[in-house]
Amino acid sequence: MGRSVAGIVGRGALLWGVTLVGLRAVVVQPEHCGDPDVASLTASAQAAVDWFVDNQQPDGQWLYRYDRDADTDLGGYNVVRHAGVTMSLEQAARHGLDRAADAADAGLDWVLDNLYEGPGWKALAPPNDDGEVTSVRVGATGLLVAALVERRDRTGDDEHDALMHDLGAFLTVMVNERGQVLGGWDPATGEPVPESWNQYFTGEVFWALGLLHRTFPAAGYDITALRIADYLAAERDDVEGWWPDVADHWAAYGFATMATWPGGAPLTDTHREYIRRQMGFQSLQIRWESQRTNSFFSHYTRGRQTLGAGMGTIGEALDQWSALAEADDDFAGYRAPLRDRALCAAGVLQSRQADSDTDPAEDGAWFQFGITQMDDQQHSLSALLEAIPIAPGGDGSHDVDQQGGSAP
């Protein structure tokens, strides 16, 4: 006997209903972005600054890695992250947060005691326990330059200008004619270490040289910065074997800084294609990450919530892409979507920040598996700070007319 029309329609409707419910439950899960505004973002950023102040040692270093369940300092240290924290605290001082400038100055004092002098340049490279410098990592010097530029812009103090040029000379030495950034200098050979790629150092050096060009436009730092930009956009990930492509928040800082150069950003079509792809990466990342709640179902379908540092880098990238889109009319259609994505990242960070009345190593930090590292606070702090101008109640520095366009 033939099936009735009603039966066929009913089964079809049931199938579509099951499909839509499945899509809603597994594919299109709700985002948890919160509702950040200037006041709440400033409070969260201040809590992160307070973590650094409360956990800074007399010599200017910070607590590096902490287990809250065991209440244990897990030790270790990382010079690149020290430079990064100093930079983030300089950003916080620019925003007027309490005690940020003093903590940054103490971190800078440690830096100035741990400079390595090479042939015609200086770099940040502390000696090992035997008093020897066996490796000079370029990323630490890149972020130190960013910290010094932030400090100079904030204070108008030019006392470190000569040092900035010495550091810039090292960064320039570490970039070859192709635009590749070598990650380490070997004091034993007196040469860069061949093929010492690092997925973050390229963007850090690009950003640092871009800042130096903005600060000293007659010094020629733009030549090397643009060579890195060309390499980043056209071939870095393929040549160095990064797969999937690096979602590069430091490159976002670099390209956003180019928009502040005298005369504007000399972006090529290749640069713009790379930038749009990166905007898409980080927009997708926050859509996915904002759906994670660490519930059983969320963990099964979305995975565990990422590290504070990982979440922070997403926010940093989106903040910088938002700033670039505001400055460049070629990205006008992305302005409102990028602002929305950047604020979502900031809201997620707020929701995951720890709060403790009794433990200064926990209060204001971000944890995974009960562990925090100082870079969790570094990247999260920067992401929160740079979202403040575009939040409701902000100063409007990123506000533009609402325009059409889909989120990248």
Protein backbone atom coordinates (compact mmCIF):
# COMPACT_ATOMS: atom_id res chain seq x y z
CA MET A 1 0.00 0.00 0.00
CA GLY A 2 1.22 3.49 -0.71
CA ARG A 3 2.27 5.74 2.07
CA SER A 4 -0.07 8.61 2.88
CA VAL A 5 0.95 12.13 2.06
CA ALA A 6 0.44 13.07 5.68
CA GLY A 7 2.76 10.30 6.82
CA ILE A 8 5.49 11.32 4.40
CA VAL A 9 5.18 14.96 5.40
CA GLY A 10 5.20 14.05 9.07
CA ARG A 11 8.33 11.92 8.81
CA GLY A 12 10.02 14.61 6.76
CA ALA A 13 9.13 17.25 9.31
CA LEU A 14 10.45 15.02 12.09
CA LEU A 15 13.71 14.45 10.21
CA TRP A 16 14.16 18.17 9.63
CA GLY A 17 13.35 18.85 13.26
CA VAL A 18 15.96 16.35 14.45
CA THR A 19 18.48 17.80 12.01
CA LEU A 20 17.87 21.38 13.15
CA VAL A 21 18.06 20.42 16.81
CA GLY A 22 21.32 18.58 16.11
CA LEU A 23 22.76 21.55 14.28
CA ARG A 24 21.74 23.87 17.11
CA ALA A 25 23.19 21.60 19.76
CA VAL A 26 26.45 20.64 18.05
CA VAL A 27 27.26 23.17 15.33
CA VAL A 28 25.58 26.47 16.25
CA GLN A 29 26.07 26.58 20.00
CA PRO A 30 25.45 29.87 21.85
CA GLU A 31 28.31 32.25 22.41
CA HIS A 32 29.06 33.55 25.90
CA CYS A 33 30.47 37.02 25.31
CA GLY A 34 29.25 38.85 28.36
CA ASP A 35 28.52 42.55 28.24
CA PRO A 36 31.84 44.39 28.73
CA ASP A 37 31.98 48.14 29.12
CA VAL A 38 34.71 50.61 29.97
CA ALA A 39 34.23 50.35 33.73
CA SER A 40 34.25 46.56 33.87
CA LEU A 41 37.17 46.23 31.43
CA THR A 42 39.19 48.74 33.41
CA ALA A 43 38.47 46.86 36.64
CA SER A 44 39.53 43.53 35.10
CA ALA A 45 42.69 45.07 33.69
CA GLN A 46 43.49 46.65 37.05
CA ALA A 47 43.13 43.26 38.73
CA ALA A 48 45.66 41.84 36.26
CA VAL A 49 48.04 44.73 36.97
CA ASP A 50 47.63 44.11 40.68
CA TRP A 51 48.60 40.47 40.11
CA PHE A 52 51.90 41.63 38.62
CA VAL A 53 52.50 44.14 41.39
CA ASP A 54 51.73 41.62 44.13
CA ASN A 55 53.85 38.91 42.53
CA GLN A 56 56.92 40.92 41.54
CA GLN A 57 60.19 39.99 43.17
CA PRO A 58 62.71 42.52 44.55
CA ASP A 59 64.95 42.14 41.49
CA GLY A 60 62.11 43.02 39.11
CA GLN A 61 61.22 39.51 37.92
CA TRP A 62 57.72 38.09 38.39
CA LEU A 63 56.27 34.85 39.66
CA TYR A 64 56.46 32.71 36.56
CA ARG A 65 54.33 29.61 37.11
CA TYR A 66 51.97 28.87 40.00
CA ASP A 67 49.83 25.89 41.09
CA ARG A 68 46.90 27.17 43.12
CA ASP A 69 45.70 23.75 44.24
CA ALA A 70 49.07 22.99 45.84
CA ASP A 71 49.78 26.68 46.60
CA THR A 72 53.18 26.17 45.04
CA ASP A 73 55.56 28.33 43.03
CA LEU A 74 56.57 25.99 40.21
CA GLY A 75 59.66 28.02 39.31
CA GLY A 76 61.21 28.60 35.91
CA TYR A 77 61.53 31.80 33.94
CA ASN A 78 61.37 33.08 30.37
CA VAL A 79 63.13 36.22 29.22
CA VAL A 80 60.84 36.76 26.23
CA ARG A 81 57.83 36.78 28.54
CA HIS A 82 59.58 39.15 30.94
CA ALA A 83 59.93 41.64 28.08
CA GLY A 84 56.30 41.00 27.12
CA VAL A 85 55.04 41.68 30.63
CA THR A 86 57.05 44.90 30.79
CA MET A 87 55.42 45.95 27.51
CA SER A 88 51.91 45.10 28.75
CA LEU A 89 52.45 47.07 31.94
CA GLU A 90 53.58 50.04 29.87
CA GLN A 91 50.30 49.75 27.96
CA ALA A 92 48.48 49.71 31.30
CA ALA A 93 50.40 52.79 32.46
CA ARG A 94 49.34 54.56 29.25
CA HIS A 95 45.73 53.79 30.21
CA GLY A 96 46.35 55.30 33.65
CA LEU A 97 46.06 52.10 35.72
CA ASP A 98 47.35 52.31 39.28
CA ARG A 99 50.88 51.04 40.01
CA ALA A 100 51.46 49.87 36.44
CA ALA A 101 54.25 52.36 35.72
CA ASP A 102 56.21 51.44 38.86
CA ALA A 103 55.96 47.71 38.12
CA ALA A 104 57.07 48.32 34.52
CA ASP A 105 60.03 50.40 35.71
CA ALA A 106 61.10 47.64 38.08
CA GLY A 107 60.88 45.13 35.23
CA LEU A 108 62.93 47.48 33.05
CA ASP A 109 65.60 47.78 35.73
CA TRP A 110 66.08 44.00 35.55
CA VAL A 111 66.29 44.26 31.76
CA LEU A 112 68.99 46.93 31.90
CA ASP A 113 71.06 44.64 34.11
CA ASN A 114 70.78 41.80 31.60
CA LEU A 115 71.78 43.30 28.26
CA TYR A 116 74.21 41.49 25.98
CA GLU A 117 76.60 43.53 23.86
CA GLY A 118 77.32 42.21 20.40
CA PRO A 119 79.24 43.65 17.45
CA GLY A 120 77.58 47.03 17.03
CA TRP A 121 74.36 46.19 18.83
CA LYS A 122 72.76 45.22 22.13
CA ALA A 123 70.15 42.60 22.98
CA LEU A 124 68.25 41.31 26.00
CA ALA A 125 69.90 38.04 27.05
CA PRO A 126 70.55 37.20 30.72
CA PRO A 127 73.45 34.87 31.58
CA ASN A 128 72.82 31.31 32.71
CA ASP A 129 73.65 29.94 36.15
CA ASP A 130 77.31 29.71 35.12
CA GLY A 131 77.39 33.38 34.23
CA GLU A 132 77.54 32.74 30.48
CA VAL A 133 75.28 33.88 27.65
CA THR A 134 74.94 30.90 25.33
CA SER A 135 71.93 32.01 23.28
CA VAL A 136 70.39 35.37 22.38
CA ARG A 137 66.72 35.09 21.42
CA VAL A 138 65.47 37.81 19.12
CA GLY A 139 61.88 37.86 20.43
CA ALA A 140 62.93 39.20 23.82
CA THR A 141 64.62 42.18 22.22
CA GLY A 142 61.63 42.80 19.94
CA LEU A 143 59.23 43.05 22.86
CA LEU A 144 61.72 45.15 24.83
CA VAL A 145 61.73 47.66 21.98
CA ALA A 146 57.92 47.74 22.10
CA ALA A 147 58.05 48.40 25.86
CA LEU A 148 60.57 51.23 25.42
CA VAL A 149 58.52 52.86 22.66
CA GLU A 150 55.40 52.66 24.85
CA ARG A 151 57.36 54.25 27.69
CA ARG A 152 58.76 57.01 25.48
CA ASP A 153 55.33 57.80 24.04
CA ARG A 154 53.81 57.90 27.51
CA THR A 155 56.44 59.95 29.31
CA GLY A 156 58.16 61.94 26.55
CA ASP A 157 61.44 60.75 28.10
CA ASP A 158 64.16 60.11 25.50
CA GLU A 159 66.81 58.73 27.88
CA HIS A 160 66.71 55.29 26.24
CA ASP A 161 66.87 56.47 22.63
CA ALA A 162 70.46 55.33 22.14
CA LEU A 163 69.60 51.92 23.58
CA MET A 164 66.59 51.66 21.29
CA HIS A 165 68.86 52.19 18.28
CA ASP A 166 71.31 49.58 19.62
CA LEU A 167 68.45 47.11 20.01
CA GLY A 168 67.14 48.02 16.56
CA ALA A 169 70.57 47.26 15.11
CA PHE A 170 70.38 43.73 16.54
CA LEU A 171 66.89 43.18 15.16
CA THR A 172 68.07 44.34 11.73
CA VAL A 173 71.02 41.95 11.79
CA MET A 174 68.63 39.07 12.45
CA VAL A 175 66.59 39.68 9.27
CA ASN A 176 67.96 38.29 6.01
CA GLU A 177 67.44 39.67 2.52
CA ARG A 178 64.36 37.48 2.06
CA GLY A 179 62.69 39.01 5.10
CA GLN A 180 63.12 35.92 7.27
CA VAL A 181 63.74 36.52 10.98
CA LEU A 182 66.31 34.23 12.53
CA GLY A 183 65.30 33.34 16.05
CA GLY A 184 68.64 33.14 17.81
CA TRP A 185 72.18 34.50 17.80
CA ASP A 186 75.00 32.14 18.81
CA PRO A 187 77.70 33.92 20.84
CA ALA A 188 80.08 30.99 20.20
CA THR A 189 80.03 31.42 16.42
CA GLY A 190 79.23 35.13 16.32
CA GLU A 191 76.44 34.45 13.82
CA PRO A 192 72.67 34.00 13.73
CA VAL A 193 71.61 30.40 14.19
CA PRO A 194 70.60 29.03 10.74
CA GLU A 195 66.90 28.22 10.30
CA SER A 196 66.13 29.06 13.93
CA TRP A 197 62.55 29.92 13.09
CA ASN A 198 59.97 30.72 15.72
CA GLN A 199 56.29 31.18 14.95
CA TYR A 200 56.11 34.32 17.11
CA PHE A 201 59.47 36.04 16.68
CA THR A 202 58.84 37.12 13.09
CA GLY A 203 55.79 39.17 14.06
CA GLU A 204 57.47 40.54 17.18
CA VAL A 205 60.45 41.84 15.21
CA PHE A 206 58.16 43.21 12.48
CA TRP A 207 56.17 45.12 15.10
CA ALA A 208 59.28 46.41 16.88
CA LEU A 209 60.86 47.73 13.69
CA GLY A 210 57.53 49.29 12.71
CA LEU A 211 57.44 51.11 16.05
CA LEU A 212 61.03 52.25 15.61
CA HIS A 213 60.19 53.68 12.19
CA ARG A 214 57.25 55.58 13.64
CA THR A 215 59.49 56.95 16.40
CA PHE A 216 62.58 57.64 14.25
CA PRO A 217 61.23 57.98 10.69
CA ALA A 218 64.55 59.06 9.20
CA ALA A 219 66.50 56.04 10.47
CA GLY A 220 65.40 53.59 7.77
CA TYR A 221 63.78 50.94 9.95
CA ASP A 222 60.85 50.81 7.53
CA ILE A 223 63.01 49.13 4.88
CA THR A 224 63.55 46.05 7.02
CA ALA A 225 60.03 46.12 8.44
CA LEU A 226 58.51 46.07 4.95
CA ARG A 227 60.78 43.21 3.93
CA ILE A 228 59.41 41.20 6.86
CA ALA A 229 55.84 42.22 5.98
CA ASP A 230 56.31 40.94 2.42
CA TYR A 231 57.72 37.64 3.67
CA LEU A 232 55.02 37.24 6.31
CA ALA A 233 52.21 37.82 3.87
CA ALA A 234 53.52 35.81 0.94
CA GLU A 235 55.44 32.80 2.19
CA ARG A 236 56.36 32.59 5.89
CA ASP A 237 53.99 29.78 6.85
CA ASP A 238 54.83 27.64 3.80
CA VAL A 239 58.59 28.14 3.95
CA GLU A 240 58.91 27.54 7.68
CA GLY A 241 56.44 24.67 7.75
CA TRP A 242 53.73 26.13 9.98
CA TRP A 243 50.47 24.26 9.45
CA PRO A 244 47.81 25.36 9.88
CA ASP A 245 48.88 28.92 9.20
CA VAL A 246 49.94 30.86 12.30
CA ALA A 247 47.12 33.03 13.67
CA ASP A 248 49.62 35.78 14.37
CA HIS A 249 48.65 38.44 16.91
CA TRP A 250 52.11 40.01 16.68
CA ALA A 251 51.66 40.47 12.94
CA ALA A 252 48.38 42.22 13.78
CA TYR A 253 50.29 44.65 16.00
CA GLY A 254 52.79 45.18 13.20
CA PHE A 255 50.29 45.93 10.44
CA ALA A 256 48.20 48.13 12.76
CA THR A 257 51.36 50.08 13.61
CA MET A 258 52.06 50.59 9.91
CA ALA A 259 48.78 52.49 9.74
CA THR A 260 50.29 55.02 12.19
CA TRP A 261 53.41 55.62 10.10
CA PRO A 262 53.99 59.07 8.64
CA GLY A 263 52.09 59.00 5.37
CA GLY A 264 50.04 55.92 6.33
CA ALA A 265 50.49 52.23 5.70
CA PRO A 266 52.07 51.25 2.35
CA LEU A 267 50.04 48.05 2.09
CA THR A 268 50.21 45.90 -1.03
CA ASP A 269 47.49 43.63 -2.39
CA THR A 270 49.40 40.67 -0.93
CA HIS A 271 49.45 42.32 2.48
CA ARG A 272 45.71 42.98 2.31
CA GLU A 273 44.94 39.40 1.33
CA TYR A 274 47.00 38.15 4.28
CA ILE A 275 45.32 40.62 6.64
CA ARG A 276 41.82 39.53 5.59
CA ARG A 277 42.79 35.90 6.10
CA GLN A 278 44.14 36.68 9.56
CA MET A 279 41.02 38.64 10.46
CA GLY A 280 39.05 35.54 9.52
CA PHE A 281 41.23 33.22 11.61
CA GLN A 282 40.81 35.19 14.81
CA SER A 283 37.12 35.84 14.20
CA LEU A 284 36.56 32.11 13.84
CA GLN A 285 38.68 31.41 16.92
CA ILE A 286 36.62 33.63 19.19
CA ARG A 287 33.34 32.27 17.83
CA TRP A 288 34.53 28.77 18.76
CA GLU A 289 36.17 29.70 22.06
CA SER A 290 33.21 31.74 23.29
CA GLN A 291 31.04 28.62 23.01
CA ARG A 292 33.21 26.64 25.43
CA THR A 293 31.83 26.37 28.95
CA ASN A 294 33.77 23.33 30.25
CA SER A 295 30.47 21.50 30.82
CA PHE A 296 30.50 17.85 29.83
CA PHE A 297 28.60 18.48 26.60
CA SER A 298 30.66 21.55 25.71
CA HIS A 299 33.89 19.73 26.47
CA TYR A 300 32.79 16.81 24.29
CA THR A 301 31.75 18.96 21.32
CA ARG A 302 34.06 22.00 21.65
CA GLY A 303 36.98 20.89 23.78
CA ARG A 304 38.38 22.41 26.93
CA GLN A 305 38.66 26.17 27.37
CA THR A 306 42.02 27.45 26.19
CA LEU A 307 44.83 28.92 28.27
CA GLY A 308 44.55 32.51 29.42
CA ALA A 309 47.50 33.33 27.16
CA GLY A 310 45.76 31.70 24.21
CA MET A 311 42.53 33.56 24.84
CA GLY A 312 44.46 36.78 25.34
CA THR A 313 46.27 36.53 22.02
CA ILE A 314 42.92 36.15 20.21
CA GLY A 315 41.72 39.34 21.88
CA GLU A 316 44.97 41.19 21.13
CA ALA A 317 44.76 40.29 17.45
CA LEU A 318 41.14 41.37 17.14
CA ASP A 319 41.87 44.65 18.93
CA GLN A 320 44.68 45.41 16.49
CA TRP A 321 42.73 44.37 13.39
CA SER A 322 39.89 46.56 14.61
CA ALA A 323 42.28 49.51 14.89
CA LEU A 324 43.65 48.84 11.41
CA ALA A 325 40.17 48.60 9.92
CA GLU A 326 39.29 51.95 11.45
CA ALA A 327 42.37 53.55 9.91
CA ASP A 328 42.08 51.99 6.44
CA ASP A 329 38.94 52.48 4.37
CA ASP A 330 39.75 49.34 2.40
CA PHE A 331 38.57 47.41 5.49
CA ALA A 332 35.60 49.66 6.25
CA GLY A 333 33.11 46.83 5.88
CA TYR A 334 34.85 44.88 8.62
CA ARG A 335 34.80 47.63 11.25
CA ALA A 336 31.60 46.79 13.10
CA PRO A 337 32.09 42.98 12.95
CA LEU A 338 35.68 43.25 14.20
CA ARG A 339 34.63 45.54 17.04
CA ASP A 340 31.97 42.99 18.00
CA ARG A 341 34.46 40.12 17.92
CA ALA A 342 37.08 42.05 19.91
CA LEU A 343 34.55 42.91 22.63
CA CYS A 344 33.40 39.29 22.72
CA ALA A 345 37.00 38.22 23.38
CA ALA A 346 37.27 40.78 26.17
CA GLY A 347 34.02 39.57 27.70
CA VAL A 348 35.18 35.96 27.64
CA LEU A 349 38.41 36.96 29.37
CA GLN A 350 36.47 38.78 32.09
CA SER A 351 34.31 35.75 32.75
CA ARG A 352 37.34 33.50 33.25
CA GLN A 353 39.43 35.75 35.48
CA ALA A 354 40.00 34.39 38.98
CA ASP A 355 38.93 36.32 42.06
CA SER A 356 40.36 35.62 45.50
CA ASP A 357 40.32 37.66 48.68
CA THR A 358 43.09 35.60 50.26
CA ASP A 359 45.56 34.45 47.59
CA PRO A 360 47.48 37.19 45.70
CA ALA A 361 48.91 34.58 43.35
CA GLU A 362 45.37 33.68 42.29
CA ASP A 363 43.52 36.99 42.39
CA GLY A 364 43.27 38.55 38.92
CA ALA A 365 44.85 35.59 37.11
CA TRP A 366 43.72 33.07 34.48
CA PHE A 367 44.08 29.33 35.14
CA GLN A 368 43.95 26.03 33.29
CA PHE A 369 44.22 22.77 35.25
CA GLY A 370 44.87 24.93 38.33
CA ILE A 371 48.04 26.41 36.79
CA THR A 372 48.80 29.96 35.71
CA GLN A 373 51.88 31.46 34.04
CA MET A 374 52.73 35.11 33.91
CA ASP A 375 52.07 35.18 30.14
CA ASP A 376 48.44 34.26 30.87
CA GLN A 377 48.19 37.61 32.61
CA GLN A 378 50.37 39.41 30.03
CA HIS A 379 48.27 38.63 26.96
CA SER A 380 44.95 38.90 28.75
CA LEU A 381 45.88 42.30 30.20
CA SER A 382 46.83 43.66 26.78
CA ALA A 383 43.63 42.32 25.21
CA LEU A 384 41.48 43.97 27.88
CA LEU A 385 43.30 47.28 27.66
CA GLU A 386 43.09 47.62 23.90
CA ALA A 387 39.37 46.79 23.97
CA ILE A 388 38.60 49.71 26.29
CA PRO A 389 38.42 52.41 23.57
CA ILE A 390 35.85 50.46 21.53
CA ALA A 391 33.67 49.39 24.46
CA PRO A 392 30.39 51.15 25.35
CA GLY A 393 31.40 54.29 27.19
CA GLY A 394 34.81 54.39 25.52
CA ASP A 395 36.47 57.44 24.06
CA GLY A 396 35.31 56.56 20.57
CA SER A 397 38.76 56.10 19.07
CA HIS A 398 37.55 53.09 17.14
CA ASP A 399 33.96 54.21 16.68
CA VAL A 400 32.87 54.54 13.05
CA ASP A 401 29.55 54.67 11.28
CA GLN A 402 27.92 51.26 11.14
CA GLN A 403 28.63 49.84 7.71
CA GLY A 404 27.63 46.75 5.83
CA GLY A 405 29.79 43.69 5.55
CA SER A 406 30.03 40.30 7.08
CA ALA A 407 32.31 39.32 9.89
CA PRO A 408 35.61 38.21 8.38
